[in-house]
Amino acid sequence: MPAPILHAWIDESMRTVGVPRPSYLLGGLLADPGRCDPYRAALARLRTSGVKLHWRELDARHRRRALDAVAHFDAEILIVIASPMDHRKQERARSVCLERLAWELQRRGVSLAHLEARTTSLMLKDDRTVDRLRRRGLITPSLRFEHRQPHSEPMLWAADLVLGLIAATLAGEEQAGDAMRRLADVASVVHVDL
């Protein structure tokens, strides 16, 4: 039986307040893309305003509902956290996270990683990081990366939600810890020192 096709939907977050070490987070969900349409529909039903579900724009009740939906996805959560982050060097932190994340995705058999789009110049930095990883032999061409606009891909909303949850957990928010325990069986968190 062939291995399932896996895609990843990746977002970023930073947490500098309320944490012992300022942190940069990069990660999201890994899932079979052929099974994601019901997940997209579930997320779209939860959208309250704007073009996407965004952790920082949701109240506690909506966060709980959104995370309950994500908990029912047949998906793995993978997050890389780099710390302590110097806020003046967040692109360095992203590059370190992307390097480790790419290695983790390759190891899990992911064929396509959808990164949330950023400015053109910052997306080019991501592309250069991926090219450098390929030249060093850390990842192969079988793992592709593309940038996607969040308004056109609800799976990126799920990535934002889990990153928001992990960041809140780092800050010791009690409700976040409760929600994280529900996702613990499908979540992998990798810490990288900067």
Protein backbone atom coordinates (compact mmCIF):
# COMPACT_ATOMS: atom_id res chain seq x y z
CA MET A 1 0.00 0.00 0.00
CA PRO A 2 1.52 3.35 -1.02
CA ALA A 3 2.21 6.00 1.59
CA PRO A 4 -0.47 8.71 1.81
CA ILE A 5 0.14 12.02 0.10
CA LEU A 6 0.76 14.70 2.69
CA HIS A 7 0.66 18.47 2.40
CA ALA A 8 1.48 21.02 5.09
CA TRP A 9 -0.12 24.42 5.74
CA ILE A 10 2.32 26.71 7.53
CA ASP A 11 2.00 30.04 9.30
CA GLU A 12 4.17 32.05 11.68
CA SER A 13 3.73 33.70 15.06
CA MET A 14 5.87 35.50 17.57
CA ARG A 15 5.46 35.74 21.31
CA THR A 16 7.55 38.33 23.13
CA VAL A 17 5.29 39.36 26.02
CA GLY A 18 4.43 37.13 28.97
CA VAL A 19 6.98 34.44 28.10
CA PRO A 20 10.31 33.69 29.75
CA ARG A 21 12.08 33.72 26.36
CA PRO A 22 10.86 35.71 23.34
CA SER A 23 9.95 33.11 20.73
CA TYR A 24 9.40 32.76 16.99
CA LEU A 25 7.00 29.98 15.98
CA LEU A 26 6.64 28.42 12.54
CA GLY A 27 4.39 25.48 11.78
CA GLY A 28 0.91 24.22 11.17
CA LEU A 29 -0.97 21.15 10.02
CA LEU A 30 0.03 18.12 7.95
CA ALA A 31 -2.78 16.24 6.24
CA ASP A 32 -3.87 14.33 3.16
CA PRO A 33 -4.96 17.12 0.76
CA GLY A 34 -7.70 14.90 -0.67
CA ARG A 35 -9.46 14.85 2.70
CA CYS A 36 -9.31 18.58 3.48
CA ASP A 37 -12.44 19.98 1.81
CA PRO A 38 -14.66 19.14 4.82
CA TYR A 39 -12.05 20.78 7.08
CA ARG A 40 -12.09 23.92 4.92
CA ALA A 41 -15.89 24.00 5.08
CA ALA A 42 -15.87 23.60 8.87
CA LEU A 43 -13.42 26.50 9.22
CA ALA A 44 -15.39 28.70 6.81
CA ARG A 45 -18.55 28.16 8.88
CA LEU A 46 -16.71 29.45 11.95
CA ARG A 47 -15.49 32.67 10.35
CA THR A 48 -17.12 35.61 12.11
CA SER A 49 -15.74 38.50 10.05
CA GLY A 50 -12.88 39.40 7.76
CA VAL A 51 -11.29 37.13 5.21
CA LYS A 52 -10.04 34.46 7.58
CA LEU A 53 -10.20 33.05 11.08
CA HIS A 54 -7.42 34.71 13.05
CA TRP A 55 -6.51 33.71 16.61
CA ARG A 56 -5.98 37.22 17.91
CA GLU A 57 -9.36 38.39 16.56
CA LEU A 58 -11.40 35.61 18.23
CA ASP A 59 -12.88 35.73 21.68
CA ALA A 60 -12.47 32.77 24.05
CA ARG A 61 -15.72 31.10 22.96
CA HIS A 62 -14.87 31.28 19.25
CA ARG A 63 -11.32 30.08 19.89
CA ARG A 64 -12.69 27.05 21.71
CA ARG A 65 -15.11 26.26 18.86
CA ALA A 66 -12.39 26.65 16.23
CA LEU A 67 -9.94 24.46 18.14
CA ASP A 68 -12.66 21.84 18.67
CA ALA A 69 -13.08 21.74 14.88
CA VAL A 70 -9.31 21.39 14.33
CA ALA A 71 -9.16 18.62 16.94
CA HIS A 72 -11.46 16.53 14.71
CA PHE A 73 -9.22 16.84 11.64
CA ASP A 74 -7.19 13.80 10.67
CA ALA A 75 -4.01 15.88 10.77
CA GLU A 76 -0.72 16.18 12.57
CA ILE A 77 0.30 19.47 14.13
CA LEU A 78 3.97 20.34 13.79
CA ILE A 79 5.47 23.49 15.31
CA VAL A 80 9.07 24.67 15.50
CA ILE A 81 9.84 27.24 18.20
CA ALA A 82 13.08 29.24 18.12
CA SER A 83 14.17 31.20 21.18
CA PRO A 84 15.37 33.45 22.61
CA MET A 85 14.45 35.66 19.67
CA ASP A 86 15.95 39.10 19.25
CA HIS A 87 13.05 41.13 17.82
CA ARG A 88 15.55 42.89 15.51
CA LYS A 89 16.50 39.53 13.99
CA GLN A 90 13.16 37.86 13.41
CA GLU A 91 14.09 36.89 9.84
CA ARG A 92 17.07 34.98 11.19
CA ALA A 93 14.71 33.21 13.60
CA ARG A 94 12.38 32.40 10.70
CA SER A 95 15.24 31.00 8.63
CA VAL A 96 16.35 28.75 11.50
CA CYS A 97 12.75 27.58 12.03
CA LEU A 98 12.21 27.01 8.30
CA GLU A 99 15.38 24.93 8.09
CA ARG A 100 14.29 22.64 10.92
CA LEU A 101 10.67 22.56 9.75
CA ALA A 102 11.73 21.59 6.21
CA TRP A 103 13.81 18.74 7.59
CA GLU A 104 10.87 17.56 9.73
CA LEU A 105 8.47 17.78 6.75
CA GLN A 106 10.89 15.84 4.52
CA ARG A 107 11.24 13.16 7.19
CA ARG A 108 7.43 12.81 7.37
CA GLY A 109 7.01 12.48 3.60
CA VAL A 110 5.31 15.83 2.94
CA SER A 111 5.30 16.65 -0.78
CA LEU A 112 4.03 20.25 -0.69
CA ALA A 113 4.23 22.90 2.01
CA HIS A 114 1.89 25.88 1.65
CA LEU A 115 3.43 28.87 3.44
CA GLU A 116 1.24 31.84 4.25
CA ALA A 117 2.17 34.61 1.81
CA ARG A 118 4.19 37.58 3.00
CA THR A 119 5.62 40.56 1.16
CA THR A 120 7.42 39.73 -2.08
CA SER A 121 10.85 40.45 -0.61
CA LEU A 122 10.19 38.22 2.41
CA MET A 123 8.86 35.40 0.25
CA LEU A 124 12.09 35.62 -1.77
CA LYS A 125 14.03 35.17 1.49
CA ASP A 126 12.04 32.00 2.16
CA ASP A 127 12.82 30.78 -1.36
CA ARG A 128 16.54 31.43 -0.82
CA THR A 129 16.43 29.50 2.46
CA VAL A 130 14.78 26.53 0.74
CA ASP A 131 17.30 26.68 -2.15
CA ARG A 132 20.18 26.71 0.36
CA LEU A 133 18.71 23.65 2.11
CA ARG A 134 18.49 21.80 -1.22
CA ARG A 135 22.09 22.68 -2.15
CA ARG A 136 23.25 21.37 1.24
CA GLY A 137 21.28 18.14 0.68
CA LEU A 138 19.07 18.65 3.74
CA ILE A 139 15.90 18.37 1.65
CA THR A 140 15.20 16.95 -1.79
CA PRO A 141 13.16 18.34 -4.71
CA SER A 142 10.35 15.96 -3.69
CA LEU A 143 9.42 18.54 -1.02
CA ARG A 144 8.07 21.68 -2.68
CA PHE A 145 7.17 25.00 -1.11
CA GLU A 146 4.69 27.59 -2.31
CA HIS A 147 3.27 30.75 -0.80
CA ARG A 148 -0.51 31.07 -0.57
CA GLN A 149 -2.81 33.93 0.33
CA PRO A 150 -4.75 33.11 3.51
CA HIS A 151 -8.07 34.36 2.16
CA SER A 152 -7.96 31.62 -0.51
CA GLU A 153 -6.84 28.73 1.73
CA PRO A 154 -8.73 28.02 4.96
CA MET A 155 -6.19 25.37 5.97
CA LEU A 156 -3.83 28.28 6.64
CA TRP A 157 -6.41 29.51 9.17
CA ALA A 158 -6.01 26.24 11.04
CA ALA A 159 -2.26 26.81 11.09
CA ASP A 160 -2.83 30.28 12.57
CA LEU A 161 -5.14 28.82 15.22
CA VAL A 162 -2.71 26.16 16.41
CA LEU A 163 0.16 28.66 16.47
CA GLY A 164 -1.96 31.04 18.52
CA LEU A 165 -2.73 28.20 20.90
CA ILE A 166 0.93 27.19 21.25
CA ALA A 167 1.97 30.82 21.81
CA ALA A 168 -0.72 31.23 24.48
CA THR A 169 0.46 28.00 26.11
CA LEU A 170 4.03 29.35 26.19
CA ALA A 171 2.67 32.36 28.05
CA GLY A 172 1.01 30.10 30.61
CA GLU A 173 -2.56 31.00 29.72
CA GLU A 174 -4.67 28.46 31.61
CA GLN A 175 -7.41 28.05 28.98
CA ALA A 176 -4.74 27.47 26.33
CA GLY A 177 -3.21 24.70 28.41
CA ASP A 178 -6.60 22.97 28.61
CA ALA A 179 -7.05 23.18 24.82
CA MET A 180 -3.49 22.01 24.21
CA ARG A 181 -4.09 18.88 26.26
CA ARG A 182 -6.91 17.95 23.82
CA LEU A 183 -4.48 18.21 20.88
CA ALA A 184 -1.45 16.69 22.61
CA ASP A 185 -1.78 13.32 20.84
CA VAL A 186 -1.41 14.89 17.39
CA ALA A 187 0.98 17.75 18.18
CA SER A 188 4.77 17.74 17.89
CA VAL A 189 6.65 20.77 19.14
CA VAL A 190 10.36 21.12 18.34
CA HIS A 191 12.45 23.67 20.23
CA VAL A 192 15.51 25.25 18.60
CA ASP A 193 17.95 27.53 20.40
CA LEU A 194 18.94 30.74 18.67
